Amino acid sequence: MKARLSMAALMAGLMVSSTAWAAITVRYYNRDSREYTWPVVCSGVKTTVSFGKSQTASVTIQGSGPCTVQTDEGNVVLKGGENLNIKDGRIIID
């Protein structure tokens, strides 16, 4: 009986820790000469994401996907692995 309880506790711990390490990564090209920082919601957790000005790079957002980036031009849903173009404050998924 104790072995089953300890196994159940171990499995529960592994499940919790795997969600704690969850993240999505996207590649982006910001064509604007302005850095953007927008709020993001991933699985109900609010955070922010920043895209550097005039550069191509990758960004990792902590949390399990899908994540919703809230821009001034509307919400964009990201699942991870997307290639993004940012122009005039808009995110366009390629």
Protein backbone atom coordinates (compact mmCIF):
# COMPACT_ATOMS: atom_id res chain seq x y z
CA MET A 1 0.00 0.00 0.00
CA LYS A 2 2.84 2.41 0.88
CA ALA A 3 4.54 1.65 -2.42
CA ARG A 4 1.40 2.61 -4.35
CA LEU A 5 1.02 5.86 -2.42
CA SER A 6 4.65 6.83 -2.97
CA MET A 7 4.36 5.98 -6.67
CA ALA A 8 1.22 8.13 -6.94
CA ALA A 9 2.99 10.99 -5.15
CA LEU A 10 5.97 10.67 -7.51
CA MET A 11 3.74 10.75 -10.60
CA ALA A 12 1.85 13.79 -9.29
CA GLY A 13 5.15 15.57 -8.66
CA LEU A 14 6.41 14.81 -12.15
CA MET A 15 3.21 16.12 -13.72
CA VAL A 16 3.40 19.38 -11.76
CA SER A 17 7.08 19.89 -12.55
CA SER A 18 6.57 19.25 -16.28
CA THR A 19 4.04 22.08 -16.50
CA ALA A 20 6.39 24.35 -14.57
CA TRP A 21 9.06 23.85 -17.24
CA ALA A 22 6.68 24.33 -20.17
CA ALA A 23 7.49 27.08 -22.66
CA ILE A 24 6.94 27.97 -26.29
CA THR A 25 9.55 29.43 -28.62
CA VAL A 26 8.90 31.48 -31.75
CA ARG A 27 11.24 33.07 -34.29
CA TYR A 28 10.52 36.65 -35.32
CA TYR A 29 11.65 39.40 -37.67
CA ASN A 30 10.77 42.88 -36.37
CA ARG A 31 10.81 45.22 -39.37
CA ASP A 32 9.99 48.25 -37.20
CA SER A 33 12.60 50.48 -35.57
CA ARG A 34 10.70 50.13 -32.31
CA GLU A 35 10.84 47.49 -29.58
CA TYR A 36 7.46 46.02 -28.65
CA THR A 37 6.47 44.61 -25.27
CA TRP A 38 3.02 43.04 -25.16
CA PRO A 39 1.06 41.15 -22.50
CA VAL A 40 0.72 37.39 -22.98
CA VAL A 41 -1.63 34.85 -21.41
CA CYS A 42 -0.51 31.20 -21.37
CA SER A 43 -2.87 28.72 -19.70
CA GLY A 44 -4.37 31.50 -17.60
CA VAL A 45 -0.99 32.88 -16.46
CA LYS A 46 -0.25 36.49 -17.43
CA THR A 47 3.24 37.61 -18.42
CA THR A 48 4.86 39.84 -21.07
CA VAL A 49 6.94 39.25 -24.18
CA SER A 50 9.39 41.68 -25.82
CA PHE A 51 10.43 41.82 -29.46
CA GLY A 52 13.62 43.81 -30.08
CA LYS A 53 13.68 46.57 -32.69
CA SER A 54 14.90 45.95 -36.25
CA GLN A 55 16.12 42.42 -35.67
CA THR A 56 15.64 38.75 -36.34
CA ALA A 57 15.70 36.59 -33.23
CA SER A 58 13.90 33.95 -31.22
CA VAL A 59 11.91 34.51 -28.05
CA THR A 60 10.79 31.98 -25.45
CA ILE A 61 7.55 32.55 -23.57
CA GLN A 62 7.24 30.71 -20.27
CA GLY A 63 4.03 28.73 -19.93
CA SER A 64 2.27 25.96 -21.77
CA GLY A 65 0.67 26.80 -25.09
CA PRO A 66 -1.32 27.98 -26.72
CA CYS A 67 -0.44 31.53 -25.67
CA THR A 68 -2.36 34.66 -26.61
CA VAL A 69 -0.34 37.81 -27.31
CA GLN A 70 -2.47 40.92 -26.78
CA THR A 71 -1.32 43.57 -29.28
CA ASP A 72 -2.90 46.94 -30.05
CA GLU A 73 -4.00 45.46 -33.39
CA GLY A 74 -5.72 42.44 -31.81
CA ASN A 75 -4.92 39.12 -30.20
CA VAL A 76 -2.57 36.59 -31.77
CA VAL A 77 -2.57 32.93 -30.68
CA LEU A 78 0.81 31.16 -30.67
CA LYS A 79 1.37 27.43 -30.22
CA GLY A 80 5.16 27.43 -30.56
CA GLY A 81 7.45 27.04 -33.56
CA GLU A 82 5.87 29.84 -35.60
CA ASN A 83 7.81 32.33 -37.70
CA LEU A 84 6.52 35.85 -37.08
CA ASN A 85 6.88 39.07 -39.04
CA ILE A 86 6.25 42.29 -37.13
CA LYS A 87 5.44 45.37 -39.19
CA ASP A 88 3.61 48.54 -38.14
CA GLY A 89 2.83 47.05 -34.74
CA ARG A 90 1.19 43.95 -36.22
CA ILE A 91 2.19 40.33 -35.81
CA ILE A 92 1.85 38.30 -39.00
CA ILE A 93 2.35 34.52 -38.76
CA ASP A 94 4.21 33.05 -41.76
